[in-house]
Amino acid sequence: GDRPRDAAFLEDAVRLLRGAGYTAFDGAPPAQAEHG
């Protein structure tokens, strides 16, 4: 991340980690149980 090109790529890659949340369940496991 200290290299300019790499920093720009990692900034784009942050988009892959957007949308995190919490999922409660009681009974069947949630359809989406993963953390990417």
PDB file of all heavy atoms in Angstrom:
ATOM      1  N   GLY A   1       0.786  -1.228   0.000  1.00  0.00           N
ATOM      2  CA  GLY A   1       0.000   0.000   0.000  1.00  0.00           C
ATOM      3  C   GLY A   1       0.814   1.272   0.000  1.00  0.00           C
ATOM      4  O   GLY A   1       0.263   2.361  -0.195  1.00  0.00           O
ATOM      5  N   ASP A   2       2.125   1.174   0.208  1.00  0.00           N
ATOM      6  CA  ASP A   2       2.972   2.370   0.153  1.00  0.00           C
ATOM      7  C   ASP A   2       3.367   2.729  -1.279  1.00  0.00           C
ATOM      8  O   ASP A   2       3.896   3.812  -1.523  1.00  0.00           O
ATOM      9  CB  ASP A   2       4.237   2.166   0.995  1.00  0.00           C
ATOM     10  CG  ASP A   2       3.960   2.363   2.479  1.00  0.00           C
ATOM     11  OD1 ASP A   2       3.094   3.193   2.807  1.00  0.00           O
ATOM     12  OD2 ASP A   2       4.598   1.687   3.302  1.00  0.00           O
ATOM     13  N   ARG A   3       3.150   1.800  -2.227  1.00  0.00           N
ATOM     14  CA  ARG A   3       3.455   2.087  -3.631  1.00  0.00           C
ATOM     15  C   ARG A   3       2.217   2.698  -4.286  1.00  0.00           C
ATOM     16  O   ARG A   3       1.106   2.179  -4.110  1.00  0.00           O
ATOM     17  CB  ARG A   3       3.877   0.816  -4.366  1.00  0.00           C
ATOM     18  CG  ARG A   3       5.215   0.249  -3.879  1.00  0.00           C
ATOM     19  CD  ARG A   3       5.772  -0.755  -4.887  1.00  0.00           C
ATOM     20  NE  ARG A   3       4.949  -1.943  -4.989  1.00  0.00           N
ATOM     21  CZ  ARG A   3       5.228  -3.108  -4.409  1.00  0.00           C
ATOM     22  NH1 ARG A   3       6.319  -3.234  -3.675  1.00  0.00           N
ATOM     23  NH2 ARG A   3       4.430  -4.152  -4.576  1.00  0.00           N
ATOM     24  N   PRO A   4       2.374   3.789  -5.037  1.00  0.00           N
ATOM     25  CA  PRO A   4       1.197   4.483  -5.583  1.00  0.00           C
ATOM     26  C   PRO A   4       0.264   3.590  -6.398  1.00  0.00           C
ATOM     27  O   PRO A   4      -0.953   3.624  -6.205  1.00  0.00           O
ATOM     28  CB  PRO A   4       1.827   5.577  -6.456  1.00  0.00           C
ATOM     29  CG  PRO A   4       3.132   5.870  -5.789  1.00  0.00           C
ATOM     30  CD  PRO A   4       3.618   4.529  -5.290  1.00  0.00           C
ATOM     31  N   ARG A   5       0.801   2.785  -7.315  1.00  0.00           N
ATOM     32  CA  ARG A   5      -0.076   1.929  -8.129  1.00  0.00           C
ATOM     33  C   ARG A   5      -0.816   0.925  -7.260  1.00  0.00           C
ATOM     34  O   ARG A   5      -2.005   0.681  -7.448  1.00  0.00           O
ATOM     35  CB  ARG A   5       0.736   1.193  -9.189  1.00  0.00           C
ATOM     36  CG  ARG A   5       1.249   2.050 -10.324  1.00  0.00           C
ATOM     37  CD  ARG A   5       1.803   1.181 -11.435  1.00  0.00           C
ATOM     38  NE  ARG A   5       2.707   0.148 -10.920  1.00  0.00           N
ATOM     39  CZ  ARG A   5       3.148  -0.886 -11.612  1.00  0.00           C
ATOM     40  NH1 ARG A   5       2.747  -1.070 -12.856  1.00  0.00           N
ATOM     41  NH2 ARG A   5       3.978  -1.764 -11.083  1.00  0.00           N
ATOM     42  N   ASP A   6      -0.083   0.321  -6.321  1.00  0.00           N
ATOM     43  CA  ASP A   6      -0.714  -0.664  -5.448  1.00  0.00           C
ATOM     44  C   ASP A   6      -1.774  -0.001  -4.570  1.00  0.00           C
ATOM     45  O   ASP A   6      -2.845  -0.584  -4.324  1.00  0.00           O
ATOM     46  CB  ASP A   6       0.339  -1.340  -4.563  1.00  0.00           C
ATOM     47  CG  ASP A   6       1.277  -2.231  -5.352  1.00  0.00           C
ATOM     48  OD1 ASP A   6       1.169  -2.233  -6.595  1.00  0.00           O
ATOM     49  OD2 ASP A   6       2.115  -2.915  -4.740  1.00  0.00           O
ATOM     50  N   ALA A   7      -1.482   1.207  -4.078  1.00  0.00           N
ATOM     51  CA  ALA A   7      -2.451   1.906  -3.231  1.00  0.00           C
ATOM     52  C   ALA A   7      -3.742   2.174  -3.987  1.00  0.00           C
ATOM     53  O   ALA A   7      -4.851   2.032  -3.441  1.00  0.00           O
ATOM     54  CB  ALA A   7      -1.851   3.214  -2.720  1.00  0.00           C
ATOM     55  N   ALA A   8      -3.625   2.548  -5.251  1.00  0.00           N
ATOM     56  CA  ALA A   8      -4.820   2.794  -6.054  1.00  0.00           C
ATOM     57  C   ALA A   8      -5.629   1.517  -6.259  1.00  0.00           C
ATOM     58  O   ALA A   8      -6.859   1.518  -6.178  1.00  0.00           O
ATOM     59  CB  ALA A   8      -4.418   3.393  -7.403  1.00  0.00           C
ATOM     60  N   PHE A   9      -4.929   0.404  -6.509  1.00  0.00           N
ATOM     61  CA  PHE A   9      -5.631  -0.867  -6.678  1.00  0.00           C
ATOM     62  C   PHE A   9      -6.342  -1.277  -5.385  1.00  0.00           C
ATOM     63  O   PHE A   9      -7.498  -1.706  -5.397  1.00  0.00           O
ATOM     64  CB  PHE A   9      -4.642  -1.958  -7.087  1.00  0.00           C
ATOM     65  CG  PHE A   9      -5.275  -3.322  -7.205  1.00  0.00           C
ATOM     66  CD1 PHE A   9      -5.977  -3.671  -8.344  1.00  0.00           C
ATOM     67  CD2 PHE A   9      -5.181  -4.244  -6.176  1.00  0.00           C
ATOM     68  CE1 PHE A   9      -6.571  -4.922  -8.448  1.00  0.00           C
ATOM     69  CE2 PHE A   9      -5.771  -5.488  -6.268  1.00  0.00           C
ATOM     70  CZ  PHE A   9      -6.466  -5.826  -7.412  1.00  0.00           C
ATOM     71  N   LEU A  10      -5.636  -1.146  -4.248  1.00  0.00           N
ATOM     72  CA  LEU A  10      -6.242  -1.522  -2.967  1.00  0.00           C
ATOM     73  C   LEU A  10      -7.440  -0.645  -2.641  1.00  0.00           C
ATOM     74  O   LEU A  10      -8.407  -1.103  -2.030  1.00  0.00           O
ATOM     75  CB  LEU A  10      -5.194  -1.437  -1.853  1.00  0.00           C
ATOM     76  CG  LEU A  10      -4.066  -2.473  -1.943  1.00  0.00           C
ATOM     77  CD1 LEU A  10      -2.973  -2.166  -0.939  1.00  0.00           C
ATOM     78  CD2 LEU A  10      -4.603  -3.889  -1.733  1.00  0.00           C
ATOM     79  N   GLU A  11      -7.383   0.607  -3.053  1.00  0.00           N
ATOM     80  CA  GLU A  11      -8.533   1.492  -2.854  1.00  0.00           C
ATOM     81  C   GLU A  11      -9.741   0.965  -3.626  1.00  0.00           C
ATOM     82  O   GLU A  11     -10.872   0.983  -3.125  1.00  0.00           O
ATOM     83  CB  GLU A  11      -8.181   2.902  -3.307  1.00  0.00           C
ATOM     84  CG  GLU A  11      -9.153   3.965  -2.834  1.00  0.00           C
ATOM     85  CD  GLU A  11      -8.950   4.321  -1.373  1.00  0.00           C
ATOM     86  OE1 GLU A  11      -7.880   4.032  -0.815  1.00  0.00           O
ATOM     87  OE2 GLU A  11      -9.893   4.895  -0.786  1.00  0.00           O
ATOM     88  N   ASP A  12      -9.509   0.478  -4.836  1.00  0.00           N
ATOM     89  CA  ASP A  12     -10.592  -0.141  -5.607  1.00  0.00           C
ATOM     90  C   ASP A  12     -11.070  -1.434  -4.941  1.00  0.00           C
ATOM     91  O   ASP A  12     -12.265  -1.742  -4.926  1.00  0.00           O
ATOM     92  CB  ASP A  12     -10.134  -0.437  -7.036  1.00  0.00           C
ATOM     93  CG  ASP A  12     -10.121   0.795  -7.925  1.00  0.00           C
ATOM     94  OD1 ASP A  12     -10.927   1.702  -7.665  1.00  0.00           O
ATOM     95  OD2 ASP A  12      -9.302   0.859  -8.846  1.00  0.00           O
ATOM     96  N   ALA A  13     -10.129  -2.194  -4.372  1.00  0.00           N
ATOM     97  CA  ALA A  13     -10.474  -3.482  -3.766  1.00  0.00           C
ATOM     98  C   ALA A  13     -11.320  -3.326  -2.511  1.00  0.00           C
ATOM     99  O   ALA A  13     -12.022  -4.267  -2.120  1.00  0.00           O
ATOM    100  CB  ALA A  13      -9.197  -4.257  -3.444  1.00  0.00           C
ATOM    101  N   VAL A  14     -11.273  -2.159  -1.887  1.00  0.00           N
ATOM    102  CA  VAL A  14     -12.106  -1.923  -0.702  1.00  0.00           C
ATOM    103  C   VAL A  14     -13.576  -2.155  -1.018  1.00  0.00           C
ATOM    104  O   VAL A  14     -14.363  -2.564  -0.160  1.00  0.00           O
ATOM    105  CB  VAL A  14     -11.873  -0.490  -0.167  1.00  0.00           C
ATOM    106  CG1 VAL A  14     -12.906  -0.125   0.888  1.00  0.00           C
ATOM    107  CG2 VAL A  14     -10.473  -0.369   0.424  1.00  0.00           C
ATOM    108  N   ARG A  15     -13.943  -1.935  -2.273  1.00  0.00           N
ATOM    109  CA  ARG A  15     -15.346  -2.131  -2.658  1.00  0.00           C
ATOM    110  C   ARG A  15     -15.808  -3.569  -2.440  1.00  0.00           C
ATOM    111  O   ARG A  15     -17.002  -3.824  -2.247  1.00  0.00           O
ATOM    112  CB  ARG A  15     -15.531  -1.759  -4.128  1.00  0.00           C
ATOM    113  CG  ARG A  15     -15.225  -0.305  -4.440  1.00  0.00           C
ATOM    114  CD  ARG A  15     -15.283  -0.031  -5.930  1.00  0.00           C
ATOM    115  NE  ARG A  15     -14.903   1.337  -6.257  1.00  0.00           N
ATOM    116  CZ  ARG A  15     -14.803   1.811  -7.480  1.00  0.00           C
ATOM    117  NH1 ARG A  15     -15.071   1.025  -8.517  1.00  0.00           N
ATOM    118  NH2 ARG A  15     -14.448   3.055  -7.687  1.00  0.00           N
ATOM    119  N   LEU A  16     -14.870  -4.513  -2.477  1.00  0.00           N
ATOM    120  CA  LEU A  16     -15.235  -5.914  -2.267  1.00  0.00           C
ATOM    121  C   LEU A  16     -15.681  -6.173  -0.833  1.00  0.00           C
ATOM    122  O   LEU A  16     -16.307  -7.197  -0.549  1.00  0.00           O
ATOM    123  CB  LEU A  16     -14.042  -6.823  -2.593  1.00  0.00           C
ATOM    124  CG  LEU A  16     -13.474  -6.743  -4.011  1.00  0.00           C
ATOM    125  CD1 LEU A  16     -12.318  -7.719  -4.158  1.00  0.00           C
ATOM    126  CD2 LEU A  16     -14.553  -7.028  -5.050  1.00  0.00           C
ATOM    127  N   LEU A  17     -15.321  -5.270   0.092  1.00  0.00           N
ATOM    128  CA  LEU A  17     -15.622  -5.479   1.502  1.00  0.00           C
ATOM    129  C   LEU A  17     -16.735  -4.572   1.996  1.00  0.00           C
ATOM    130  O   LEU A  17     -16.972  -4.475   3.208  1.00  0.00           O
ATOM    131  CB  LEU A  17     -14.352  -5.243   2.347  1.00  0.00           C
ATOM    132  CG  LEU A  17     -13.179  -6.172   2.028  1.00  0.00           C
ATOM    133  CD1 LEU A  17     -11.988  -5.845   2.920  1.00  0.00           C
ATOM    134  CD2 LEU A  17     -13.576  -7.631   2.191  1.00  0.00           C
ATOM    135  N   ARG A  18     -17.420  -3.918   1.086  1.00  0.00           N
ATOM    136  CA  ARG A  18     -18.546  -3.077   1.491  1.00  0.00           C
ATOM    137  C   ARG A  18     -19.808  -3.919   1.598  1.00  0.00           C
ATOM    138  O   ARG A  18     -19.994  -4.874   0.859  1.00  0.00           O
ATOM    139  CB  ARG A  18     -18.740  -1.937   0.493  1.00  0.00           C
ATOM    140  CG  ARG A  18     -17.635  -0.890   0.571  1.00  0.00           C
ATOM    141  CD  ARG A  18     -17.782   0.162  -0.497  1.00  0.00           C
ATOM    142  NE  ARG A  18     -16.671   1.117  -0.427  1.00  0.00           N
ATOM    143  CZ  ARG A  18     -16.340   1.949  -1.393  1.00  0.00           C
ATOM    144  NH1 ARG A  18     -17.037   1.950  -2.519  1.00  0.00           N
ATOM    145  NH2 ARG A  18     -15.321   2.775  -1.253  1.00  0.00           N
ATOM    146  N   GLY A  19     -20.665  -3.544   2.543  1.00  0.00           N
ATOM    147  CA  GLY A  19     -21.919  -4.263   2.707  1.00  0.00           C
ATOM    148  C   GLY A  19     -21.916  -5.256   3.842  1.00  0.00           C
ATOM    149  O   GLY A  19     -22.814  -6.105   3.944  1.00  0.00           O
ATOM    150  N   ALA A  20     -20.920  -5.154   4.747  1.00  0.00           N
ATOM    151  CA  ALA A  20     -20.891  -6.059   5.906  1.00  0.00           C
ATOM    152  C   ALA A  20     -22.043  -5.733   6.846  1.00  0.00           C
ATOM    153  O   ALA A  20     -22.460  -4.583   6.974  1.00  0.00           O
ATOM    154  CB  ALA A  20     -19.555  -5.953   6.631  1.00  0.00           C
ATOM    155  N   GLY A  21     -22.530  -6.750   7.509  1.00  0.00           N
ATOM    156  CA  GLY A  21     -23.619  -6.557   8.462  1.00  0.00           C
ATOM    157  C   GLY A  21     -23.653  -7.695   9.461  1.00  0.00           C
ATOM    158  O   GLY A  21     -22.733  -8.515   9.545  1.00  0.00           O
ATOM    159  N   TYR A  22     -24.716  -7.735  10.237  1.00  0.00           N
ATOM    160  CA  TYR A  22     -24.930  -8.799  11.214  1.00  0.00           C
ATOM    161  C   TYR A  22     -26.180  -9.570  10.823  1.00  0.00           C
ATOM    162  O   TYR A  22     -27.179  -8.972  10.387  1.00  0.00           O
ATOM    163  CB  TYR A  22     -25.110  -8.221  12.622  1.00  0.00           C
ATOM    164  CG  TYR A  22     -23.852  -7.637  13.211  1.00  0.00           C
ATOM    165  CD1 TYR A  22     -23.443  -6.345  12.897  1.00  0.00           C
ATOM    166  CD2 TYR A  22     -23.065  -8.377  14.091  1.00  0.00           C
ATOM    167  CE1 TYR A  22     -22.282  -5.802  13.428  1.00  0.00           C
ATOM    168  CE2 TYR A  22     -21.906  -7.845  14.632  1.00  0.00           C
ATOM    169  CZ  TYR A  22     -21.527  -6.557  14.302  1.00  0.00           C
ATOM    170  OH  TYR A  22     -20.380  -6.024  14.826  1.00  0.00           O
ATOM    171  N   THR A  23     -26.133 -10.878  10.964  1.00  0.00           N
ATOM    172  CA  THR A  23     -27.268 -11.728  10.598  1.00  0.00           C
ATOM    173  C   THR A  23     -27.622 -12.622  11.781  1.00  0.00           C
ATOM    174  O   THR A  23     -26.825 -13.473  12.192  1.00  0.00           O
ATOM    175  CB  THR A  23     -26.947 -12.601   9.378  1.00  0.00           C
ATOM    176  OG1 THR A  23     -26.614 -11.760   8.272  1.00  0.00           O
ATOM    177  CG2 THR A  23     -28.136 -13.474   9.015  1.00  0.00           C
ATOM    178  N   ALA A  24     -28.799 -12.402  12.349  1.00  0.00           N
ATOM    179  CA  ALA A  24     -29.300 -13.243  13.447  1.00  0.00           C
ATOM    180  C   ALA A  24     -30.128 -14.381  12.866  1.00  0.00           C
ATOM    181  O   ALA A  24     -30.798 -14.214  11.842  1.00  0.00           O
ATOM    182  CB  ALA A  24     -30.141 -12.410  14.406  1.00  0.00           C
ATOM    183  N   PHE A  25     -30.070 -15.532  13.499  1.00  0.00           N
ATOM    184  CA  PHE A  25     -30.881 -16.667  13.051  1.00  0.00           C
ATOM    185  C   PHE A  25     -31.247 -17.530  14.250  1.00  0.00           C
ATOM    186  O   PHE A  25     -30.535 -17.572  15.250  1.00  0.00           O
ATOM    187  CB  PHE A  25     -30.136 -17.489  11.999  1.00  0.00           C
ATOM    188  CG  PHE A  25     -28.874 -18.158  12.506  1.00  0.00           C
ATOM    189  CD1 PHE A  25     -28.869 -19.503  12.857  1.00  0.00           C
ATOM    190  CD2 PHE A  25     -27.695 -17.445  12.641  1.00  0.00           C
ATOM    191  CE1 PHE A  25     -27.725 -20.128  13.320  1.00  0.00           C
ATOM    192  CE2 PHE A  25     -26.536 -18.056  13.099  1.00  0.00           C
ATOM    193  CZ  PHE A  25     -26.549 -19.395  13.436  1.00  0.00           C
ATOM    194  N   ASP A  26     -32.360 -18.195  14.146  1.00  0.00           N
ATOM    195  CA  ASP A  26     -32.838 -19.093  15.208  1.00  0.00           C
ATOM    196  C   ASP A  26     -33.644 -20.192  14.521  1.00  0.00           C
ATOM    197  O   ASP A  26     -34.795 -20.015  14.151  1.00  0.00           O
ATOM    198  CB  ASP A  26     -33.704 -18.332  16.207  1.00  0.00           C
ATOM    199  CG  ASP A  26     -33.904 -19.103  17.507  1.00  0.00           C
ATOM    200  OD1 ASP A  26     -33.685 -20.332  17.510  1.00  0.00           O
ATOM    201  OD2 ASP A  26     -34.276 -18.483  18.521  1.00  0.00           O
ATOM    202  N   GLY A  27     -32.984 -21.323  14.281  1.00  0.00           N
ATOM    203  CA  GLY A  27     -33.587 -22.418  13.528  1.00  0.00           C
ATOM    204  C   GLY A  27     -32.700 -22.752  12.353  1.00  0.00           C
ATOM    205  O   GLY A  27     -31.528 -23.083  12.520  1.00  0.00           O
ATOM    206  N   ALA A  28     -33.236 -22.618  11.159  1.00  0.00           N
ATOM    207  CA  ALA A  28     -32.442 -22.915   9.963  1.00  0.00           C
ATOM    208  C   ALA A  28     -31.325 -21.878   9.809  1.00  0.00           C
ATOM    209  O   ALA A  28     -31.514 -20.704  10.123  1.00  0.00           O
ATOM    210  CB  ALA A  28     -33.331 -22.909   8.728  1.00  0.00           C
ATOM    211  N   PRO A  29     -30.153 -22.281   9.344  1.00  0.00           N
ATOM    212  CA  PRO A  29     -29.067 -21.321   9.134  1.00  0.00           C
ATOM    213  C   PRO A  29     -29.446 -20.326   8.056  1.00  0.00           C
ATOM    214  O   PRO A  29     -30.250 -20.627   7.166  1.00  0.00           O
ATOM    215  CB  PRO A  29     -27.884 -22.203   8.702  1.00  0.00           C
ATOM    216  CG  PRO A  29     -28.503 -23.450   8.170  1.00  0.00           C
ATOM    217  CD  PRO A  29     -29.756 -23.657   8.968  1.00  0.00           C
ATOM    218  N   PRO A  30     -28.908 -19.120   8.097  1.00  0.00           N
ATOM    219  CA  PRO A  30     -29.251 -18.122   7.078  1.00  0.00           C
ATOM    220  C   PRO A  30     -28.765 -18.549   5.699  1.00  0.00           C
ATOM    221  O   PRO A  30     -27.767 -19.275   5.570  1.00  0.00           O
ATOM    222  CB  PRO A  30     -28.521 -16.867   7.559  1.00  0.00           C
ATOM    223  CG  PRO A  30     -27.417 -17.370   8.435  1.00  0.00           C
ATOM    224  CD  PRO A  30     -27.926 -18.612   9.074  1.00  0.00           C
ATOM    225  N   ALA A  31     -29.459 -18.106   4.686  1.00  0.00           N
ATOM    226  CA  ALA A  31     -29.076 -18.449   3.321  1.00  0.00           C
ATOM    227  C   ALA A  31     -27.686 -17.919   2.994  1.00  0.00           C
ATOM    228  O   ALA A  31     -26.931 -18.539   2.255  1.00  0.00           O
ATOM    229  CB  ALA A  31     -30.112 -17.887   2.341  1.00  0.00           C
ATOM    230  N   GLN A  32     -27.346 -16.745   3.529  1.00  0.00           N
ATOM    231  CA  GLN A  32     -26.032 -16.156   3.321  1.00  0.00           C
ATOM    232  C   GLN A  32     -25.348 -16.073   4.693  1.00  0.00           C
ATOM    233  O   GLN A  32     -25.594 -15.169   5.477  1.00  0.00           O
ATOM    234  CB  GLN A  32     -26.160 -14.785   2.679  1.00  0.00           C
ATOM    235  CG  GLN A  32     -24.970 -13.861   2.651  1.00  0.00           C
ATOM    236  CD  GLN A  32     -23.598 -14.474   2.511  1.00  0.00           C
ATOM    237  OE1 GLN A  32     -23.387 -15.460   1.820  1.00  0.00           O
ATOM    238  NE2 GLN A  32     -22.647 -13.884   3.202  1.00  0.00           N
ATOM    239  N   ALA A  33     -24.516 -17.079   4.981  1.00  0.00           N
ATOM    240  CA  ALA A  33     -23.848 -17.151   6.278  1.00  0.00           C
ATOM    241  C   ALA A  33     -22.374 -16.794   6.206  1.00  0.00           C
ATOM    242  O   ALA A  33     -21.667 -16.831   7.208  1.00  0.00           O
ATOM    243  CB  ALA A  33     -23.982 -18.568   6.857  1.00  0.00           C
ATOM    244  N   GLU A  34     -21.899 -16.427   5.021  1.00  0.00           N
ATOM    245  CA  GLU A  34     -20.462 -16.211   4.813  1.00  0.00           C
ATOM    246  C   GLU A  34     -20.048 -14.778   5.130  1.00  0.00           C
ATOM    247  O   GLU A  34     -20.859 -13.849   5.072  1.00  0.00           O
ATOM    248  CB  GLU A  34     -20.105 -16.495   3.344  1.00  0.00           C
ATOM    249  CG  GLU A  34     -20.474 -17.880   2.862  1.00  0.00           C
ATOM    250  CD  GLU A  34     -19.508 -18.932   3.362  1.00  0.00           C
ATOM    251  OE1 GLU A  34     -18.301 -18.778   3.154  1.00  0.00           O
ATOM    252  OE2 GLU A  34     -19.982 -19.903   3.979  1.00  0.00           O
ATOM    253  N   HIS A  35     -18.767 -14.634   5.422  1.00  0.00           N
ATOM    254  CA  HIS A  35     -18.137 -13.322   5.438  1.00  0.00           C
ATOM    255  C   HIS A  35     -17.065 -13.347   4.357  1.00  0.00           C
ATOM    256  O   HIS A  35     -16.058 -14.049   4.477  1.00  0.00           O
ATOM    257  CB  HIS A  35     -17.515 -13.010   6.799  1.00  0.00           C
ATOM    258  CG  HIS A  35     -17.066 -11.588   6.944  1.00  0.00           C
ATOM    259  ND1 HIS A  35     -16.018 -11.065   6.220  1.00  0.00           N
ATOM    260  CD2 HIS A  35     -17.529 -10.562   7.720  1.00  0.00           C
ATOM    261  CE1 HIS A  35     -15.846  -9.794   6.539  1.00  0.00           C
ATOM    262  NE2 HIS A  35     -16.759  -9.464   7.446  1.00  0.00           N
ATOM    263  N   GLY A  36     -17.306 -12.592   3.286  1.00  0.00           N
ATOM    264  CA  GLY A  36     -16.405 -12.630   2.139  1.00  0.00           C
ATOM    265  C   GLY A  36     -14.991 -12.227   2.467  1.00  0.00           C
ATOM    266  O   GLY A  36     -14.041 -12.702   1.838  1.00  0.00           O
TER     267      GLY A  36
END
